C-alpha atoms as a PDB file:
ATOM      1  CA  MET A   1       5.309  -1.686   5.966  1.00  0.00           C
ATOM      2  CA  ALA A   2       6.232   1.978   5.378  1.00  0.00           C
ATOM      3  CA  LEU A   3       6.735   2.484   9.113  1.00  0.00           C
ATOM      4  CA  ALA A   4       8.805  -0.700   9.318  1.00  0.00           C
ATOM      5  CA  LEU A   5      11.047   0.431   6.446  1.00  0.00           C
ATOM      6  CA  SER A   6      11.454   3.763   8.203  1.00  0.00           C
ATOM      7  CA  ALA A   7      12.452   1.966  11.434  1.00  0.00           C
ATOM      8  CA  GLU A   8      15.137   0.195   9.431  1.00  0.00           C
ATOM      9  CA  GLY A   9      16.681   3.599   8.614  1.00  0.00           C
ATOM     10  CA  HIS A  10      15.218   4.264   5.178  1.00  0.00           C
ATOM     11  CA  THR A  11      13.610   7.550   4.109  1.00  0.00           C
ATOM     12  CA  VAL A  12      10.090   6.608   3.134  1.00  0.00           C
ATOM     13  CA  GLY A  13       7.205   8.340   1.374  1.00  0.00           C
ATOM     14  CA  LEU A  14       3.647   7.025   1.598  1.00  0.00           C
ATOM     15  CA  LEU A  15       1.173   7.840  -1.136  1.00  0.00           C
ATOM     16  CA  ASP A  16      -2.500   7.128  -0.546  1.00  0.00           C
ATOM     17  CA  ALA A  17      -3.721   6.175  -4.056  1.00  0.00           C
ATOM     18  CA  ASP A  18      -7.285   5.492  -2.922  1.00  0.00           C
ATOM     19  CA  ILE A  19      -8.785   8.641  -4.412  1.00  0.00           C
ATOM     20  CA  TYR A  20     -12.358   7.731  -3.467  1.00  0.00           C
ATOM     21  CA  GLY A  21     -11.689   6.531   0.076  1.00  0.00           C
ATOM     22  CA  PRO A  22      -8.452   8.024   1.422  1.00  0.00           C
ATOM     23  CA  SER A  23      -7.541   6.799   4.937  1.00  0.00           C
ATOM     24  CA  GLN A  24      -3.828   7.229   5.409  1.00  0.00           C
ATOM     25  CA  GLY A  25      -4.236  10.533   7.242  1.00  0.00           C
ATOM     26  CA  LEU A  26      -6.289   8.791   9.945  1.00  0.00           C
ATOM     27  CA  MET A  27      -3.902   5.839  10.190  1.00  0.00           C
ATOM     28  CA  MET A  28      -0.856   8.094  10.461  1.00  0.00           C
ATOM     29  CA  GLY A  29      -2.415  10.254  13.159  1.00  0.00           C
ATOM     30  CA  VAL A  30      -2.568  13.425  11.020  1.00  0.00           C
ATOM     31  CA  PRO A  31      -5.003  15.886  12.618  1.00  0.00           C
ATOM     32  CA  SER A  32      -8.245  16.358  10.715  1.00  0.00           C
ATOM     33  CA  GLY A  33      -8.191  19.448   8.495  1.00  0.00           C
ATOM     34  CA  THR A  34      -4.391  19.395   7.972  1.00  0.00           C
ATOM     35  CA  LYS A  35      -3.497  20.829   4.533  1.00  0.00           C
ATOM     36  CA  PRO A  36      -0.159  20.502   2.729  1.00  0.00           C
ATOM     37  CA  GLU A  37       1.914  23.618   2.250  1.00  0.00           C
ATOM     38  CA  VAL A  38       2.659  24.780  -1.276  1.00  0.00           C
ATOM     39  CA  GLU A  39       6.152  25.534  -2.565  1.00  0.00           C
ATOM     40  CA  GLY A  40       5.971  26.922  -6.087  1.00  0.00           C
ATOM     41  CA  GLU A  41       3.923  24.454  -8.039  1.00  0.00           C
ATOM     42  CA  PHE A  42       4.563  21.602  -5.650  1.00  0.00           C
ATOM     43  CA  LEU A  43       2.752  20.301  -2.587  1.00  0.00           C
ATOM     44  CA  LEU A  44       4.964  19.552   0.431  1.00  0.00           C
ATOM     45  CA  PRO A  45       4.156  16.116   1.867  1.00  0.00           C
ATOM     46  CA  ILE A  46       2.828  15.959   5.427  1.00  0.00           C
ATOM     47  CA  LYS A  47       5.401  14.731   7.903  1.00  0.00           C
ATOM     48  CA  ALA A  48       3.934  12.043  10.140  1.00  0.00           C
ATOM     49  CA  ASN A  49       5.709   9.492  12.313  1.00  0.00           C
ATOM     50  CA  GLY A  50       8.931   9.924  10.308  1.00  0.00           C
ATOM     51  CA  LEU A  51       7.177   9.401   6.948  1.00  0.00           C
ATOM     52  CA  GLN A  52       6.406  11.783   4.115  1.00  0.00           C
ATOM     53  CA  VAL A  53       2.688  11.301   3.513  1.00  0.00           C
ATOM     54  CA  MET A  54       0.399  12.536   0.755  1.00  0.00           C
ATOM     55  CA  SER A  55      -3.298  11.705   0.348  1.00  0.00           C
ATOM     56  CA  MET A  56      -6.368  13.041  -1.391  1.00  0.00           C
ATOM     57  CA  GLY A  57      -7.752  13.405   2.117  1.00  0.00           C
ATOM     58  CA  PHE A  58      -5.351  16.311   2.700  1.00  0.00           C
ATOM     59  CA  VAL A  59      -6.713  18.405  -0.194  1.00  0.00           C
ATOM     60  CA  THR A  60     -10.428  17.710   0.404  1.00  0.00           C
ATOM     61  CA  SER A  61     -12.506  17.651   3.576  1.00  0.00           C
ATOM     62  CA  ASP A  62     -13.440  14.479   5.465  1.00  0.00           C
ATOM     63  CA  ARG A  63     -16.999  14.833   4.277  1.00  0.00           C
ATOM     64  CA  THR A  64     -16.297  15.673   0.632  1.00  0.00           C
ATOM     65  CA  PRO A  65     -16.738  12.630  -1.634  1.00  0.00           C
ATOM     66  CA  ALA A  66     -14.747  12.394  -4.860  1.00  0.00           C
ATOM     67  CA  VAL A  67     -17.717  11.992  -7.195  1.00  0.00           C
ATOM     68  CA  TRP A  68     -15.516  11.598 -10.294  1.00  0.00           C
ATOM     69  CA  ARG A  69     -15.373   9.427 -13.348  1.00  0.00           C
ATOM     70  CA  GLY A  70     -12.231   7.422 -14.073  1.00  0.00           C
ATOM     71  CA  PRO A  71     -10.204  10.057 -16.000  1.00  0.00           C
ATOM     72  CA  MET A  72     -10.718  12.647 -13.257  1.00  0.00           C
ATOM     73  CA  ALA A  73      -9.553  10.227 -10.591  1.00  0.00           C
ATOM     74  CA  SER A  74      -6.524   9.274 -12.725  1.00  0.00           C
ATOM     75  CA  GLY A  75      -5.694  12.934 -13.204  1.00  0.00           C
ATOM     76  CA  ALA A  76      -5.935  13.567  -9.477  1.00  0.00           C
ATOM     77  CA  LEU A  77      -3.576  10.652  -8.767  1.00  0.00           C
ATOM     78  CA  GLN A  78      -1.033  11.904 -11.307  1.00  0.00           C
ATOM     79  CA  GLN A  79      -1.078  15.316  -9.662  1.00  0.00           C
ATOM     80  CA  LEU A  80      -0.532  13.875  -6.226  1.00  0.00           C
ATOM     81  CA  LEU A  81       2.306  11.688  -7.541  1.00  0.00           C
ATOM     82  CA  THR A  82       4.159  14.177  -9.740  1.00  0.00           C
ATOM     83  CA  GLN A  83       3.373  17.481  -8.023  1.00  0.00           C
ATOM     84  CA  THR A  84       4.312  16.344  -4.520  1.00  0.00           C
ATOM     85  CA  TYR A  85       7.806  17.433  -3.503  1.00  0.00           C
ATOM     86  CA  TRP A  86       9.045  14.010  -2.310  1.00  0.00           C
ATOM     87  CA  GLN A  87      12.320  14.722  -0.550  1.00  0.00           C
ATOM     88  CA  ASN A  88      15.087  12.188  -1.292  1.00  0.00           C
ATOM     89  CA  VAL A  89      12.965   9.128  -0.467  1.00  0.00           C
ATOM     90  CA  ASP A  90      14.511   5.679  -0.684  1.00  0.00           C
ATOM     91  CA  TYR A  91      11.075   4.162  -0.999  1.00  0.00           C
ATOM     92  CA  LEU A  92       7.714   5.474  -2.120  1.00  0.00           C
ATOM     93  CA  ILE A  93       5.061   3.095  -0.860  1.00  0.00           C
ATOM     94  CA  VAL A  94       1.806   3.377  -2.819  1.00  0.00           C
ATOM     95  CA  ASP A  95      -1.303   2.177  -1.016  1.00  0.00           C
ATOM     96  CA  MET A  96      -3.611   1.034  -3.802  1.00  0.00           C
ATOM     97  CA  PRO A  97      -7.384   0.638  -3.649  1.00  0.00           C
ATOM     98  CA  PRO A  98      -8.705  -2.890  -4.454  1.00  0.00           C
ATOM     99  CA  GLY A  99      -9.358  -3.892  -8.013  1.00  0.00           C
ATOM    100  CA  THR A 100      -7.791  -3.421 -11.418  1.00  0.00           C
ATOM    101  CA  GLY A 101      -9.250  -0.063 -12.445  1.00  0.00           C
ATOM    102  CA  ASP A 102      -8.011   3.330 -13.597  1.00  0.00           C
ATOM    103  CA  ILE A 103      -5.853   3.961 -10.488  1.00  0.00           C
ATOM    104  CA  GLN A 104      -3.813   0.772 -10.939  1.00  0.00           C
ATOM    105  CA  LEU A 105      -3.408   1.333 -14.715  1.00  0.00           C
ATOM    106  CA  THR A 106      -2.382   4.970 -14.166  1.00  0.00           C
ATOM    107  CA  MET A 107       0.344   3.924 -11.733  1.00  0.00           C
ATOM    108  CA  SER A 108       1.664   1.070 -13.807  1.00  0.00           C
ATOM    109  CA  GLN A 109       1.680   2.969 -17.107  1.00  0.00           C
ATOM    110  CA  ASN A 110       3.036   6.342 -16.001  1.00  0.00           C
ATOM    111  CA  VAL A 111       5.851   5.570 -13.552  1.00  0.00           C
ATOM    112  CA  PRO A 112       8.515   2.870 -13.266  1.00  0.00           C
ATOM    113  CA  LEU A 113       7.498   0.560 -10.401  1.00  0.00           C
ATOM    114  CA  SER A 114       9.970  -1.642  -8.577  1.00  0.00           C
ATOM    115  CA  GLY A 115       7.341  -4.169  -7.710  1.00  0.00           C
ATOM    116  CA  ALA A 116       3.821  -4.944  -6.552  1.00  0.00           C
ATOM    117  CA  LEU A 117       2.924  -6.696  -3.299  1.00  0.00           C
ATOM    118  CA  ILE A 118      -0.376  -8.547  -3.473  1.00  0.00           C
ATOM    119  CA  VAL A 119      -2.534  -8.378  -0.327  1.00  0.00           C
ATOM    120  CA  THR A 120      -5.453 -10.794   0.023  1.00  0.00           C
ATOM    121  CA  THR A 121      -7.601 -12.527   2.606  1.00  0.00           C
ATOM    122  CA  PRO A 122      -7.908 -16.325   2.518  1.00  0.00           C
ATOM    123  CA  GLN A 123     -11.479 -16.750   1.312  1.00  0.00           C
ATOM    124  CA  ASP A 124     -12.221 -17.653  -2.309  1.00  0.00           C
ATOM    125  CA  ILE A 125     -14.123 -14.451  -3.136  1.00  0.00           C
ATOM    126  CA  ALA A 126     -11.078 -12.331  -2.206  1.00  0.00           C
ATOM    127  CA  LEU A 127      -8.721 -14.625  -4.177  1.00  0.00           C
ATOM    128  CA  LEU A 128     -10.682 -13.856  -7.352  1.00  0.00           C
ATOM    129  CA  ASP A 129      -9.703 -10.177  -7.051  1.00  0.00           C
ATOM    130  CA  ALA A 130      -6.124 -11.088  -6.129  1.00  0.00           C
ATOM    131  CA  ARG A 131      -5.778 -13.246  -9.289  1.00  0.00           C
ATOM    132  CA  LYS A 132      -6.998 -10.347 -11.487  1.00  0.00           C
ATOM    133  CA  GLY A 133      -4.494  -8.034  -9.832  1.00  0.00           C
ATOM    134  CA  ILE A 134      -1.635 -10.477 -10.443  1.00  0.00           C
ATOM    135  CA  GLU A 135      -2.650 -10.913 -14.098  1.00  0.00           C
ATOM    136  CA  MET A 136      -2.851  -7.161 -14.610  1.00  0.00           C
ATOM    137  CA  PHE A 137       0.586  -6.471 -13.136  1.00  0.00           C
ATOM    138  CA  LYS A 138       2.037  -9.319 -15.280  1.00  0.00           C
ATOM    139  CA  LYS A 139       0.536  -7.744 -18.427  1.00  0.00           C
ATOM    140  CA  VAL A 140       2.135  -4.352 -17.669  1.00  0.00           C
ATOM    141  CA  GLU A 141       5.429  -6.017 -16.687  1.00  0.00           C
ATOM    142  CA  VAL A 142       5.488  -4.937 -13.018  1.00  0.00           C
ATOM    143  CA  PRO A 143       7.523  -7.418 -10.938  1.00  0.00           C
ATOM    144  CA  LEU A 144       5.485  -9.340  -8.415  1.00  0.00           C
ATOM    145  CA  LEU A 145       7.140  -9.426  -4.999  1.00  0.00           C
ATOM    146  CA  GLY A 146       4.916 -11.857  -3.217  1.00  0.00           C
ATOM    147  CA  ILE A 147       1.661 -12.296  -1.321  1.00  0.00           C
ATOM    148  CA  VAL A 148       0.623 -11.062   2.096  1.00  0.00           C
ATOM    149  CA  GLU A 149      -2.317 -12.967   3.574  1.00  0.00           C
ATOM    150  CA  ASN A 150      -4.301 -10.552   5.708  1.00  0.00           C
ATOM    151  CA  MET A 151      -6.821 -11.686   8.316  1.00  0.00           C
ATOM    152  CA  SER A 152      -5.193 -15.096   8.020  1.00  0.00           C
ATOM    153  CA  THR A 153      -6.425 -16.187  11.454  1.00  0.00           C
ATOM    154  CA  HIS A 154      -8.637 -14.700  14.133  1.00  0.00           C
ATOM    155  CA  ILE A 155      -7.238 -14.296  17.611  1.00  0.00           C
ATOM    156  CA  CYS A 156      -9.808 -14.007  20.429  1.00  0.00           C
ATOM    157  CA  SER A 157      -8.995 -10.946  22.529  1.00  0.00           C
ATOM    158  CA  ASN A 158     -10.360 -12.712  25.647  1.00  0.00           C
ATOM    159  CA  CYS A 159      -8.901 -16.203  25.598  1.00  0.00           C
ATOM    160  CA  GLY A 160      -6.281 -16.043  22.816  1.00  0.00           C
ATOM    161  CA  HIS A 161      -7.868 -18.882  20.857  1.00  0.00           C
ATOM    162  CA  GLU A 162      -6.886 -18.824  17.172  1.00  0.00           C
ATOM    163  CA  GLU A 163      -9.126 -19.982  14.341  1.00  0.00           C
ATOM    164  CA  ASN A 164      -9.320 -19.688  10.521  1.00  0.00           C
ATOM    165  CA  ILE A 165     -12.724 -17.972  10.250  1.00  0.00           C
ATOM    166  CA  PHE A 166     -12.052 -16.957   6.644  1.00  0.00           C
ATOM    167  CA  GLY A 167     -10.728 -20.343   5.606  1.00  0.00           C
ATOM    168  CA  GLU A 168      -7.129 -21.354   5.112  1.00  0.00           C
ATOM    169  CA  GLY A 169      -4.704 -22.166   2.392  1.00  0.00           C
ATOM    170  CA  GLY A 170      -5.989 -19.477  -0.009  1.00  0.00           C
ATOM    171  CA  GLY A 171      -2.745 -17.549  -0.098  1.00  0.00           C
ATOM    172  CA  ASP A 172      -0.721 -20.738  -0.591  1.00  0.00           C
ATOM    173  CA  ALA A 173      -2.970 -21.833  -3.467  1.00  0.00           C
ATOM    174  CA  ILE A 174      -2.605 -18.590  -5.411  1.00  0.00           C
ATOM    175  CA  ALA A 175       1.130 -18.441  -4.647  1.00  0.00           C
ATOM    176  CA  HIS A 176       1.525 -21.946  -6.060  1.00  0.00           C
ATOM    177  CA  ASP A 177      -0.408 -21.100  -9.193  1.00  0.00           C
ATOM    178  CA  TYR A 178       1.816 -18.117  -9.988  1.00  0.00           C
ATOM    179  CA  ASN A 179       5.111 -19.415  -8.601  1.00  0.00           C
ATOM    180  CA  MET A 180       5.152 -16.744  -5.897  1.00  0.00           C
ATOM    181  CA  ALA A 181       5.771 -16.829  -2.170  1.00  0.00           C
ATOM    182  CA  VAL A 182       3.511 -15.958   0.737  1.00  0.00           C
ATOM    183  CA  ILE A 183       5.904 -13.693   2.588  1.00  0.00           C
ATOM    184  CA  ALA A 184       3.676 -13.014   5.626  1.00  0.00           C
ATOM    185  CA  ARG A 185       0.414 -13.887   7.295  1.00  0.00           C
ATOM    186  CA  LEU A 186      -1.286 -11.214   9.428  1.00  0.00           C
ATOM    187  CA  PRO A 187      -3.901 -12.099  12.009  1.00  0.00           C
ATOM    188  CA  LEU A 188      -7.316 -10.512  12.428  1.00  0.00           C
ATOM    189  CA  ALA A 189      -6.471  -8.970  15.780  1.00  0.00           C
ATOM    190  CA  MET A 190      -8.285  -6.267  17.765  1.00  0.00           C
ATOM    191  CA  SER A 191      -5.006  -4.505  18.500  1.00  0.00           C
ATOM    192  CA  ILE A 192      -4.329  -3.818  14.803  1.00  0.00           C
ATOM    193  CA  ARG A 193      -7.697  -2.153  14.358  1.00  0.00           C
ATOM    194  CA  VAL A 194      -7.559  -0.138  17.584  1.00  0.00           C
ATOM    195  CA  GLN A 195      -3.953   1.038  17.058  1.00  0.00           C
ATOM    196  CA  SER A 196      -4.438   1.898  13.376  1.00  0.00           C
ATOM    197  CA  ASP A 197      -7.691   3.786  13.996  1.00  0.00           C
ATOM    198  CA  GLY A 198      -5.888   5.679  16.724  1.00  0.00           C
ATOM    199  CA  GLY A 199      -3.143   6.843  14.387  1.00  0.00           C
ATOM    200  CA  LYS A 200      -0.468   4.665  15.982  1.00  0.00           C
ATOM    201  CA  PRO A 201      -0.218   1.410  14.021  1.00  0.00           C
ATOM    202  CA  PRO A 202       1.438  -1.640  15.663  1.00  0.00           C
ATOM    203  CA  VAL A 203       5.012  -0.761  14.552  1.00  0.00           C
ATOM    204  CA  LEU A 204       4.641   2.455  16.544  1.00  0.00           C
ATOM    205  CA  SER A 205       2.479   1.266  19.411  1.00  0.00           C
ATOM    206  CA  GLU A 206       4.265  -2.017  20.098  1.00  0.00           C
ATOM    207  CA  PRO A 207       7.519  -2.013  18.178  1.00  0.00           C
ATOM    208  CA  ASP A 208       8.733  -5.197  19.870  1.00  0.00           C
ATOM    209  CA  GLY A 209       5.360  -7.002  19.667  1.00  0.00           C
ATOM    210  CA  ALA A 210       4.659 -10.109  17.602  1.00  0.00           C
ATOM    211  CA  ILE A 211       2.564  -8.295  15.019  1.00  0.00           C
ATOM    212  CA  SER A 212       5.204  -5.579  14.586  1.00  0.00           C
ATOM    213  CA  GLN A 213       7.745  -8.284  13.899  1.00  0.00           C
ATOM    214  CA  ILE A 214       5.562  -9.559  11.031  1.00  0.00           C
ATOM    215  CA  PHE A 215       5.497  -6.086   9.474  1.00  0.00           C
ATOM    216  CA  LYS A 216       9.207  -5.683   9.948  1.00  0.00           C
ATOM    217  CA  GLY A 217       9.732  -9.085   8.278  1.00  0.00           C
ATOM    218  CA  ILE A 218       7.694  -7.895   5.272  1.00  0.00           C
ATOM    219  CA  ALA A 219       9.803  -4.739   5.069  1.00  0.00           C
ATOM    220  CA  ARG A 220      13.075  -6.691   5.139  1.00  0.00           C
ATOM    221  CA  ASP A 221      11.859  -9.165   2.549  1.00  0.00           C
ATOM    222  CA  VAL A 222      10.654  -6.421   0.210  1.00  0.00           C
ATOM    223  CA  HIS A 223      13.924  -4.516   0.643  1.00  0.00           C
ATOM    224  CA  SER A 224      16.006  -7.545  -0.223  1.00  0.00           C
ATOM    225  CA  MET A 225      13.807  -8.420  -3.240  1.00  0.00           C
ATOM    226  CA  ILE A 226      13.728  -5.002  -4.902  1.00  0.00           C
ATOM    227  CA  ASP A 227      17.344  -4.121  -4.091  1.00  0.00           C
ATOM    228  CA  GLY A 228      18.452  -5.754  -7.336  1.00  0.00           C
ATOM    229  CA  ILE A 229      15.438  -4.859  -9.455  1.00  0.00           C
ATOM    230  CA  GLN A 230      15.885  -2.122 -12.044  1.00  0.00           C
ATOM    231  CA  PRO A 231      12.463  -0.475 -12.507  1.00  0.00           C
ATOM    232  CA  LYS A 232      11.242  -0.406 -16.083  1.00  0.00           C
ATOM    233  CA  ALA A 233      10.230   2.957 -17.397  1.00  0.00           C
ATOM    234  CA  PRO A 234       7.130   3.166 -19.635  1.00  0.00           C
ATOM    235  CA  GLN A 235       8.017   2.486 -23.243  1.00  0.00           C
ATOM    236  CA  ILE A 236       7.459   5.392 -25.662  1.00  0.00           C
ATOM    237  CA  LYS A 237       7.443   4.519 -29.369  1.00  0.00           C
ATOM    238  CA  ILE A 238       7.862   7.213 -32.030  1.00  0.00           C
ATOM    239  CA  VAL A 239       6.596   6.209 -35.447  1.00  0.00           C
ATOM    240  CA  ASP A 240       7.380   8.220 -38.574  1.00  0.00           C
ATOM    241  CA  ASP A 241       4.228   8.024 -40.661  1.00  0.00           C
END
């Protein structure tokens, strides 16, 4: 989605908020061992494929696990977010880890968010996590933009046959329950895995391909939805005791 927004002419930052398993460097084709430059007290984001990218993977090695408790991970995220010199970005896309833990709460409570896009797969066990994510963002008053159903269908790389190996209708069911829309369905396709692992996701590898058009549709929908949203800043209450 970040690449698709960039292709539409927007200046885009991409923050990898998965402190324990950062992967954006690999997906964006950033050479292993690349470190951000420092300007004063700020880290300069890595430039990759027209994006400004920052990830925990850039300040640790590929083999160094983040063996941290929640507060340490939250502190690391806040540093990446506030001490990165994002340069006039129109959009800062934050790639969240799954779940409703410290990382999600840190983001929602410390910065004004324009909206959250819920990504799920169709099977029931994934929908349980998606529901918790939706409920959490509702509680912290972050606007919900819609649902993207990933691995919606499987496309055979040999014959092109398409089947719903993870079930079907899951995204629609959760969208109906929360009065949301399924804005896209992405297939489980070999090309997405190969291109992303190679550092050239579909929007770069096949900009006119069918899968790229889905990502571009997501980007256009998100842009139109948040264009009129005024992000809410965290509320600070001062009480005179």
